[in-house]
Each structure stands twice: as structure tokens, then as C-alpha cells.
């Protein structure tokens, strides 16, 4: 069940591609999801690879940071439009 949840965390943000009118930020979404999915390898090799669980946490943190950066850059850091007043 955990593996399914982590896979969904990596793939789910990519579903927004179908409703995107503008493709900016697509690279960040894919790289962040790739970090989540690549981290699954370390999650499943816990006990085999030394510090695998800690490495998995690093992949999750990097994936989340990349997604956060994409949201900040393409949604919040837009230049504000001047407010037009009607006279």
C-alpha cells in the first residue's frame, strides 16, 4: 500500500498536463515526479543498501522542492498587472 501511495505522489502532479493551456513549468513537474519515482528504488531496497531509507527521504524532499519551486515560479512570481480604474 505504501508503494502505491508513493507512486501516486510521483505521478499525480503530471495529470495536470491534460488541462494545461500553457506548457511552462512542465519540465519542473516531470523532474519532480521523476525524483519521487526514482526514490522508490531506494525505498524498496531498505535493508539491502546502506542508508537506503535516508536516501529515499532525500529524493522525496528534492521532488517536493522542485514541485514547490514550479508552483512559486509559474503561479506566484508572475508580475502583477496594473489595476485599471474606470473614470
PDB file of N, CA and C in Angstrom:
ATOM      1  N   UNK A   1       0.824  -1.196   0.000  1.00  0.00           N
ATOM      2  CA  UNK A   1       0.000   0.000   0.000  1.00  0.00           C
ATOM      3  C   UNK A   1       0.872   1.265   0.000  1.00  0.00           C
ATOM      4  N   UNK A   2       1.964   1.222   0.776  1.00  0.00           N
ATOM      5  CA  UNK A   2       2.856   2.387   0.798  1.00  0.00           C
ATOM      6  C   UNK A   2       3.432   2.674  -0.575  1.00  0.00           C
ATOM      7  N   UNK A   3       3.830   1.627  -1.271  1.00  0.00           N
ATOM      8  CA  UNK A   3       4.425   1.791  -2.601  1.00  0.00           C
ATOM      9  C   UNK A   3       3.432   2.449  -3.557  1.00  0.00           C
ATOM     10  N   UNK A   4       2.185   2.085  -3.469  1.00  0.00           N
ATOM     11  CA  UNK A   4       1.158   2.685  -4.327  1.00  0.00           C
ATOM     12  C   UNK A   4       1.008   4.172  -3.996  1.00  0.00           C
ATOM     13  N   UNK A   5       0.996   4.501  -2.720  1.00  0.00           N
ATOM     14  CA  UNK A   5       0.868   5.912  -2.323  1.00  0.00           C
ATOM     15  C   UNK A   5       2.045   6.744  -2.826  1.00  0.00           C
ATOM     16  N   UNK A   6       3.250   6.226  -2.707  1.00  0.00           N
ATOM     17  CA  UNK A   6       4.423   6.973  -3.156  1.00  0.00           C
ATOM     18  C   UNK A   6       4.461   7.100  -4.679  1.00  0.00           C
ATOM     19  N   UNK A   7       3.998   6.081  -5.367  1.00  0.00           N
ATOM     20  CA  UNK A   7       3.934   6.165  -6.829  1.00  0.00           C
ATOM     21  C   UNK A   7       2.906   7.203  -7.256  1.00  0.00           C
ATOM     22  N   UNK A   8       1.776   7.243  -6.589  1.00  0.00           N
ATOM     23  CA  UNK A   8       0.756   8.244  -6.896  1.00  0.00           C
ATOM     24  C   UNK A   8       1.296   9.644  -6.634  1.00  0.00           C
ATOM     25  N   UNK A   9       2.063   9.812  -5.553  1.00  0.00           N
ATOM     26  CA  UNK A   9       2.657  11.126  -5.268  1.00  0.00           C
ATOM     27  C   UNK A   9       3.589  11.570  -6.385  1.00  0.00           C
ATOM     28  N   UNK A  10       4.247  10.632  -7.028  1.00  0.00           N
ATOM     29  CA  UNK A  10       5.165  10.982  -8.104  1.00  0.00           C
ATOM     30  C   UNK A  10       4.484  11.227  -9.426  1.00  0.00           C
ATOM     31  N   UNK A  11       3.376  10.538  -9.664  1.00  0.00           N
ATOM     32  CA  UNK A  11       2.724  10.596 -10.975  1.00  0.00           C
ATOM     33  C   UNK A  11       1.549  11.568 -10.997  1.00  0.00           C
ATOM     34  N   UNK A  12       0.867  11.746  -9.898  1.00  0.00           N
ATOM     35  CA  UNK A  12      -0.352  12.547  -9.858  1.00  0.00           C
ATOM     36  C   UNK A  12      -0.174  13.983 -10.353  1.00  0.00           C
ATOM     37  N   UNK A  13       0.894  14.706  -9.972  1.00  0.00           N
ATOM     38  CA  UNK A  13       1.040  16.071 -10.488  1.00  0.00           C
ATOM     39  C   UNK A  13       1.154  16.130 -12.014  1.00  0.00           C
ATOM     40  N   UNK A  14       1.574  15.065 -12.635  1.00  0.00           N
ATOM     41  CA  UNK A  14       1.700  15.061 -14.091  1.00  0.00           C
ATOM     42  C   UNK A  14       0.342  15.041 -14.785  1.00  0.00           C
ATOM     43  N   UNK A  15      -0.707  14.677 -14.079  1.00  0.00           N
ATOM     44  CA  UNK A  15      -2.039  14.652 -14.678  1.00  0.00           C
ATOM     45  C   UNK A  15      -2.543  16.040 -15.038  1.00  0.00           C
ATOM     46  N   UNK A  16      -1.960  17.057 -14.445  1.00  0.00           N
ATOM     47  CA  UNK A  16      -2.355  18.425 -14.748  1.00  0.00           C
ATOM     48  C   UNK A  16      -1.982  18.797 -16.187  1.00  0.00           C
ATOM     49  N   UNK A  17      -1.118  18.023 -16.808  1.00  0.00           N
ATOM     50  CA  UNK A  17      -0.700  18.281 -18.188  1.00  0.00           C
ATOM     51  C   UNK A  17      -1.906  18.328 -19.118  1.00  0.00           C
ATOM     52  N   UNK A  18      -2.899  17.501 -18.836  1.00  0.00           N
ATOM     53  CA  UNK A  18      -4.066  17.433 -19.709  1.00  0.00           C
ATOM     54  C   UNK A  18      -4.909  18.702 -19.682  1.00  0.00           C
ATOM     55  N   UNK A  19      -4.814  19.487 -18.631  1.00  0.00           N
ATOM     56  CA  UNK A  19      -5.605  20.713 -18.546  1.00  0.00           C
ATOM     57  C   UNK A  19      -4.762  21.981 -18.676  1.00  0.00           C
ATOM     58  N   UNK A  20      -3.481  21.831 -19.005  1.00  0.00           N
ATOM     59  CA  UNK A  20      -2.601  22.997 -19.115  1.00  0.00           C
ATOM     60  C   UNK A  20      -2.814  23.702 -20.445  1.00  0.00           C
ATOM     61  N   UNK A  21      -3.097  25.004 -20.372  1.00  0.00           N
ATOM     62  CA  UNK A  21      -3.186  25.771 -21.610  1.00  0.00           C
ATOM     63  C   UNK A  21      -1.805  26.264 -22.030  1.00  0.00           C
ATOM     64  N   UNK A  22      -0.933  26.452 -21.054  1.00  0.00           N
ATOM     65  CA  UNK A  22       0.438  26.880 -21.316  1.00  0.00           C
ATOM     66  C   UNK A  22       1.383  25.822 -20.763  1.00  0.00           C
ATOM     67  N   UNK A  23       2.425  25.504 -21.492  1.00  0.00           N
ATOM     68  CA  UNK A  23       3.320  24.410 -21.122  1.00  0.00           C
ATOM     69  C   UNK A  23       4.482  24.830 -20.217  1.00  0.00           C
ATOM     70  N   UNK A  24       4.484  26.056 -19.721  1.00  0.00           N
ATOM     71  CA  UNK A  24       5.571  26.468 -18.837  1.00  0.00           C
ATOM     72  C   UNK A  24       5.455  25.725 -17.512  1.00  0.00           C
ATOM     73  N   UNK A  25       6.565  25.283 -17.009  1.00  0.00           N
ATOM     74  CA  UNK A  25       6.591  24.523 -15.768  1.00  0.00           C
ATOM     75  C   UNK A  25       6.508  23.023 -15.957  1.00  0.00           C
ATOM     76  N   UNK A  26       6.350  22.594 -17.181  1.00  0.00           N
ATOM     77  CA  UNK A  26       6.220  21.166 -17.462  1.00  0.00           C
ATOM     78  C   UNK A  26       7.493  20.415 -17.113  1.00  0.00           C
ATOM     79  N   UNK A  27       8.625  21.008 -17.405  1.00  0.00           N
ATOM     80  CA  UNK A  27       9.904  20.365 -17.102  1.00  0.00           C
ATOM     81  C   UNK A  27      10.058  20.134 -15.599  1.00  0.00           C
ATOM     82  N   UNK A  28       9.690  21.134 -14.800  1.00  0.00           N
ATOM     83  CA  UNK A  28       9.792  21.001 -13.352  1.00  0.00           C
ATOM     84  C   UNK A  28       8.857  19.910 -12.827  1.00  0.00           C
ATOM     85  N   UNK A  29       7.660  19.824 -13.390  1.00  0.00           N
ATOM     86  CA  UNK A  29       6.734  18.771 -12.972  1.00  0.00           C
ATOM     87  C   UNK A  29       7.306  17.391 -13.262  1.00  0.00           C
ATOM     88  N   UNK A  30       7.877  17.229 -14.425  1.00  0.00           N
ATOM     89  CA  UNK A  30       8.427  15.928 -14.801  1.00  0.00           C
ATOM     90  C   UNK A  30       9.659  15.562 -13.969  1.00  0.00           C
ATOM     91  N   UNK A  31      10.530  16.524 -13.726  1.00  0.00           N
ATOM     92  CA  UNK A  31      11.733  16.246 -12.936  1.00  0.00           C
ATOM     93  C   UNK A  31      11.362  15.937 -11.489  1.00  0.00           C
ATOM     94  N   UNK A  32      10.428  16.687 -10.921  1.00  0.00           N
ATOM     95  CA  UNK A  32       9.988  16.420  -9.557  1.00  0.00           C
ATOM     96  C   UNK A  32       9.351  15.045  -9.422  1.00  0.00           C
ATOM     97  N   UNK A  33       8.493  14.692 -10.369  1.00  0.00           N
ATOM     98  CA  UNK A  33       7.888  13.363 -10.359  1.00  0.00           C
ATOM     99  C   UNK A  33       8.910  12.270 -10.569  1.00  0.00           C
ATOM    100  N   UNK A  34       9.909  12.556 -11.396  1.00  0.00           N
ATOM    101  CA  UNK A  34      10.982  11.588 -11.600  1.00  0.00           C
ATOM    102  C   UNK A  34      11.771  11.338 -10.327  1.00  0.00           C
ATOM    103  N   UNK A  35      11.965  12.398  -9.539  1.00  0.00           N
ATOM    104  CA  UNK A  35      12.665  12.230  -8.253  1.00  0.00           C
ATOM    105  C   UNK A  35      11.866  11.331  -7.325  1.00  0.00           C
ATOM    106  N   UNK A  36      10.560  11.559  -7.252  1.00  0.00           N
ATOM    107  CA  UNK A  36       9.717  10.686  -6.428  1.00  0.00           C
ATOM    108  C   UNK A  36       9.833   9.236  -6.887  1.00  0.00           C
ATOM    109  N   UNK A  37       9.682   9.024  -8.190  1.00  0.00           N
ATOM    110  CA  UNK A  37       9.683   7.653  -8.720  1.00  0.00           C
ATOM    111  C   UNK A  37      11.056   6.993  -8.585  1.00  0.00           C
ATOM    112  N   UNK A  38      12.117   7.749  -8.775  1.00  0.00           N
ATOM    113  CA  UNK A  38      13.458   7.194  -8.619  1.00  0.00           C
ATOM    114  C   UNK A  38      13.741   6.842  -7.163  1.00  0.00           C
ATOM    115  N   UNK A  39      13.181   7.604  -6.257  1.00  0.00           N
ATOM    116  CA  UNK A  39      13.351   7.312  -4.841  1.00  0.00           C
ATOM    117  C   UNK A  39      12.702   6.007  -4.419  1.00  0.00           C
ATOM    118  N   UNK A  40      11.718   5.549  -5.169  1.00  0.00           N
ATOM    119  CA  UNK A  40      11.049   4.285  -4.851  1.00  0.00           C
ATOM    120  C   UNK A  40      12.040   3.126  -4.884  1.00  0.00           C
ATOM    121  N   UNK A  41      13.028   3.207  -5.747  1.00  0.00           N
ATOM    122  CA  UNK A  41      14.053   2.166  -5.831  1.00  0.00           C
ATOM    123  C   UNK A  41      14.757   2.021  -4.474  1.00  0.00           C
ATOM    124  N   UNK A  42      15.077   3.142  -3.864  1.00  0.00           N
ATOM    125  CA  UNK A  42      15.746   3.101  -2.564  1.00  0.00           C
ATOM    126  C   UNK A  42      14.790   2.694  -1.450  1.00  0.00           C
ATOM    127  N   UNK A  43      13.539   3.088  -1.587  1.00  0.00           N
ATOM    128  CA  UNK A  43      12.548   2.688  -0.592  1.00  0.00           C
ATOM    129  C   UNK A  43      12.407   1.169  -0.549  1.00  0.00           C
ATOM    130  N   UNK A  44      12.403   0.555  -1.718  1.00  0.00           N
ATOM    131  CA  UNK A  44      12.245  -0.906  -1.784  1.00  0.00           C
ATOM    132  C   UNK A  44      13.533  -1.638  -1.438  1.00  0.00           C
ATOM    133  N   UNK A  45      14.674  -0.968  -1.475  1.00  0.00           N
ATOM    134  CA  UNK A  45      15.935  -1.633  -1.153  1.00  0.00           C
ATOM    135  C   UNK A  45      16.388  -1.339   0.278  1.00  0.00           C
ATOM    136  N   UNK A  46      15.430  -0.960   1.125  1.00  0.00           N
ATOM    137  CA  UNK A  46      15.744  -0.707   2.532  1.00  0.00           C
ATOM    138  C   UNK A  46      16.211  -2.006   3.181  1.00  0.00           C
ATOM    139  N   UNK A  47      17.353  -1.995   3.832  1.00  0.00           N
ATOM    140  CA  UNK A  47      17.941  -3.188   4.433  1.00  0.00           C
ATOM    141  C   UNK A  47      18.975  -3.839   3.539  1.00  0.00           C
ATOM    142  N   UNK A  48      18.951  -3.530   2.248  1.00  0.00           N
ATOM    143  CA  UNK A  48      19.924  -4.071   1.299  1.00  0.00           C
ATOM    144  C   UNK A  48      21.023  -3.046   1.045  1.00  0.00           C
ATOM    145  N   UNK A  49      20.605  -1.828   0.748  1.00  0.00           N
ATOM    146  CA  UNK A  49      21.532  -0.718   0.502  1.00  0.00           C
ATOM    147  C   UNK A  49      21.667   0.074   1.806  1.00  0.00           C
ATOM    148  N   UNK A  50      22.887   0.349   2.239  1.00  0.00           N
ATOM    149  CA  UNK A  50      23.056   1.139   3.465  1.00  0.00           C
ATOM    150  C   UNK A  50      22.442   2.537   3.310  1.00  0.00           C
ATOM    151  N   UNK A  51      21.735   2.970   4.330  1.00  0.00           N
ATOM    152  CA  UNK A  51      21.088   4.279   4.368  1.00  0.00           C
ATOM    153  C   UNK A  51      20.057   4.473   3.260  1.00  0.00           C
ATOM    154  N   UNK A  52      19.480   3.382   2.771  1.00  0.00           N
ATOM    155  CA  UNK A  52      18.521   3.473   1.666  1.00  0.00           C
ATOM    156  C   UNK A  52      17.300   4.298   2.062  1.00  0.00           C
ATOM    157  N   UNK A  53      16.836   4.133   3.285  1.00  0.00           N
ATOM    158  CA  UNK A  53      15.655   4.877   3.702  1.00  0.00           C
ATOM    159  C   UNK A  53      15.944   6.374   3.774  1.00  0.00           C
ATOM    160  N   UNK A  54      17.122   6.737   4.233  1.00  0.00           N
ATOM    161  CA  UNK A  54      17.502   8.150   4.280  1.00  0.00           C
ATOM    162  C   UNK A  54      17.660   8.713   2.866  1.00  0.00           C
ATOM    163  N   UNK A  55      18.208   7.920   1.973  1.00  0.00           N
ATOM    164  CA  UNK A  55      18.351   8.357   0.579  1.00  0.00           C
ATOM    165  C   UNK A  55      16.981   8.555  -0.045  1.00  0.00           C
ATOM    166  N   UNK A  56      16.042   7.659   0.280  1.00  0.00           N
ATOM    167  CA  UNK A  56      14.673   7.793  -0.222  1.00  0.00           C
ATOM    168  C   UNK A  56      14.064   9.113   0.254  1.00  0.00           C
ATOM    169  N   UNK A  57      14.286   9.450   1.517  1.00  0.00           N
ATOM    170  CA  UNK A  57      13.772  10.706   2.042  1.00  0.00           C
ATOM    171  C   UNK A  57      14.375  11.899   1.304  1.00  0.00           C
ATOM    172  N   UNK A  58      15.631  11.817   0.931  1.00  0.00           N
ATOM    173  CA  UNK A  58      16.253  12.895   0.162  1.00  0.00           C
ATOM    174  C   UNK A  58      15.588  13.054  -1.209  1.00  0.00           C
ATOM    175  N   UNK A  59      15.310  11.940  -1.877  1.00  0.00           N
ATOM    176  CA  UNK A  59      14.630  12.009  -3.177  1.00  0.00           C
ATOM    177  C   UNK A  59      13.246  12.631  -3.034  1.00  0.00           C
ATOM    178  N   UNK A  60      12.518  12.268  -1.991  1.00  0.00           N
ATOM    179  CA  UNK A  60      11.190  12.833  -1.760  1.00  0.00           C
ATOM    180  C   UNK A  60      11.297  14.330  -1.478  1.00  0.00           C
ATOM    181  N   UNK A  61      12.268  14.727  -0.677  1.00  0.00           N
ATOM    182  CA  UNK A  61      12.447  16.145  -0.362  1.00  0.00           C
ATOM    183  C   UNK A  61      12.818  16.947  -1.607  1.00  0.00           C
ATOM    184  N   UNK A  62      13.684  16.398  -2.439  1.00  0.00           N
ATOM    185  CA  UNK A  62      14.070  17.096  -3.667  1.00  0.00           C
ATOM    186  C   UNK A  62      12.879  17.186  -4.625  1.00  0.00           C
ATOM    187  N   UNK A  63      12.122  16.116  -4.772  1.00  0.00           N
ATOM    188  CA  UNK A  63      10.937  16.148  -5.631  1.00  0.00           C
ATOM    189  C   UNK A  63       9.922  17.171  -5.151  1.00  0.00           C
ATOM    190  N   UNK A  64       9.688  17.218  -3.855  1.00  0.00           N
ATOM    191  CA  UNK A  64       8.755  18.196  -3.298  1.00  0.00           C
ATOM    192  C   UNK A  64       9.273  19.618  -3.489  1.00  0.00           C
ATOM    193  N   UNK A  65      10.579  19.817  -3.319  1.00  0.00           N
ATOM    194  CA  UNK A  65      11.160  21.149  -3.502  1.00  0.00           C
ATOM    195  C   UNK A  65      11.034  21.609  -4.952  1.00  0.00           C
ATOM    196  N   UNK A  66      11.227  20.706  -5.881  1.00  0.00           N
ATOM    197  CA  UNK A  66      11.105  21.075  -7.300  1.00  0.00           C
ATOM    198  C   UNK A  66       9.657  21.421  -7.633  1.00  0.00           C
ATOM    199  N   UNK A  67       8.707  20.655  -7.108  1.00  0.00           N
ATOM    200  CA  UNK A  67       7.296  20.976  -7.338  1.00  0.00           C
ATOM    201  C   UNK A  67       6.933  22.312  -6.696  1.00  0.00           C
ATOM    202  N   UNK A  68       7.440  22.551  -5.498  1.00  0.00           N
ATOM    203  CA  UNK A  68       7.186  23.817  -4.821  1.00  0.00           C
ATOM    204  C   UNK A  68       7.763  24.979  -5.635  1.00  0.00           C
ATOM    205  N   UNK A  69       8.971  24.803  -6.151  1.00  0.00           N
ATOM    206  CA  UNK A  69       9.593  25.837  -6.970  1.00  0.00           C
ATOM    207  C   UNK A  69       8.757  26.127  -8.213  1.00  0.00           C
ATOM    208  N   UNK A  70       8.240  25.078  -8.845  1.00  0.00           N
ATOM    209  CA  UNK A  70       7.426  25.269 -10.047  1.00  0.00           C
ATOM    210  C   UNK A  70       6.169  26.061  -9.722  1.00  0.00           C
ATOM    211  N   UNK A  71       5.541  25.745  -8.611  1.00  0.00           N
ATOM    212  CA  UNK A  71       4.334  26.476  -8.219  1.00  0.00           C
ATOM    213  C   UNK A  71       4.683  27.932  -7.927  1.00  0.00           C
ATOM    214  N   UNK A  72       5.763  28.141  -7.208  1.00  0.00           N
ATOM    215  CA  UNK A  72       6.162  29.510  -6.891  1.00  0.00           C
ATOM    216  C   UNK A  72       6.504  30.291  -8.153  1.00  0.00           C
ATOM    217  N   UNK A  73       7.283  29.696  -9.029  1.00  0.00           N
ATOM    218  CA  UNK A  73       7.772  30.417 -10.204  1.00  0.00           C
ATOM    219  C   UNK A  73       6.657  30.736 -11.197  1.00  0.00           C
ATOM    220  N   UNK A  74       5.782  29.775 -11.441  1.00  0.00           N
ATOM    221  CA  UNK A  74       4.806  29.966 -12.517  1.00  0.00           C
ATOM    222  C   UNK A  74       3.438  30.428 -12.043  1.00  0.00           C
ATOM    223  N   UNK A  75       3.166  30.374 -10.752  1.00  0.00           N
ATOM    224  CA  UNK A  75       1.871  30.855 -10.275  1.00  0.00           C
ATOM    225  C   UNK A  75       1.970  32.109  -9.422  1.00  0.00           C
ATOM    226  N   UNK A  76       2.960  32.154  -8.534  1.00  0.00           N
ATOM    227  CA  UNK A  76       3.034  33.262  -7.594  1.00  0.00           C
ATOM    228  C   UNK A  76       4.017  34.349  -7.978  1.00  0.00           C
ATOM    229  N   UNK A  77       5.018  34.043  -8.749  1.00  0.00           N
ATOM    230  CA  UNK A  77       6.037  35.041  -9.074  1.00  0.00           C
ATOM    231  C   UNK A  77       5.726  35.782 -10.367  1.00  0.00           C
ATOM    232  N   UNK A  78       4.495  35.723 -10.810  1.00  0.00           N
ATOM    233  CA  UNK A  78       4.116  36.449 -12.014  1.00  0.00           C
ATOM    234  C   UNK A  78       4.123  37.944 -11.710  1.00  0.00           C
ATOM    235  N   UNK A  79       4.474  38.736 -12.706  1.00  0.00           N
ATOM    236  CA  UNK A  79       4.469  40.179 -12.492  1.00  0.00           C
ATOM    237  C   UNK A  79       3.029  40.650 -12.349  1.00  0.00           C
ATOM    238  N   UNK A  80       2.762  41.442 -11.350  1.00  0.00           N
ATOM    239  CA  UNK A  80       1.375  41.893 -11.137  1.00  0.00           C
ATOM    240  C   UNK A  80       0.941  42.834 -12.250  1.00  0.00           C
ATOM    241  N   UNK A  81      -0.289  42.685 -12.631  1.00  0.00           N
ATOM    242  CA  UNK A  81      -0.841  43.568 -13.659  1.00  0.00           C
ATOM    243  C   UNK A  81      -1.337  44.841 -12.986  1.00  0.00           C
ATOM    244  N   UNK A  82      -1.148  45.981 -13.630  1.00  0.00           N
ATOM    245  CA  UNK A  82      -1.624  47.216 -13.025  1.00  0.00           C
ATOM    246  C   UNK A  82      -3.151  47.225 -12.970  1.00  0.00           C
ATOM    247  N   UNK A  83      -3.661  47.751 -11.893  1.00  0.00           N
ATOM    248  CA  UNK A  83      -5.098  47.834 -11.710  1.00  0.00           C
ATOM    249  C   UNK A  83      -5.605  49.027 -12.492  1.00  0.00           C
ATOM    250  N   UNK A  84      -6.589  48.761 -13.314  1.00  0.00           N
ATOM    251  CA  UNK A  84      -7.167  49.848 -14.100  1.00  0.00           C
ATOM    252  C   UNK A  84      -8.412  50.368 -13.397  1.00  0.00           C
ATOM    253  N   UNK A  85      -8.450  51.647 -13.271  1.00  0.00           N
ATOM    254  CA  UNK A  85      -9.631  52.250 -12.646  1.00  0.00           C
ATOM    255  C   UNK A  85     -10.478  52.877 -13.732  1.00  0.00           C
ATOM    256  N   UNK A  86     -11.767  52.742 -13.580  1.00  0.00           N
ATOM    257  CA  UNK A  86     -12.650  53.355 -14.559  1.00  0.00           C
ATOM    258  C   UNK A  86     -13.076  54.724 -14.053  1.00  0.00           C
ATOM    259  N   UNK A  87     -13.081  55.684 -14.952  1.00  0.00           N
ATOM    260  CA  UNK A  87     -13.445  57.059 -14.555  1.00  0.00           C
ATOM    261  C   UNK A  87     -14.663  57.482 -15.256  1.00  0.00           C
TER     262      UNK A  87
END
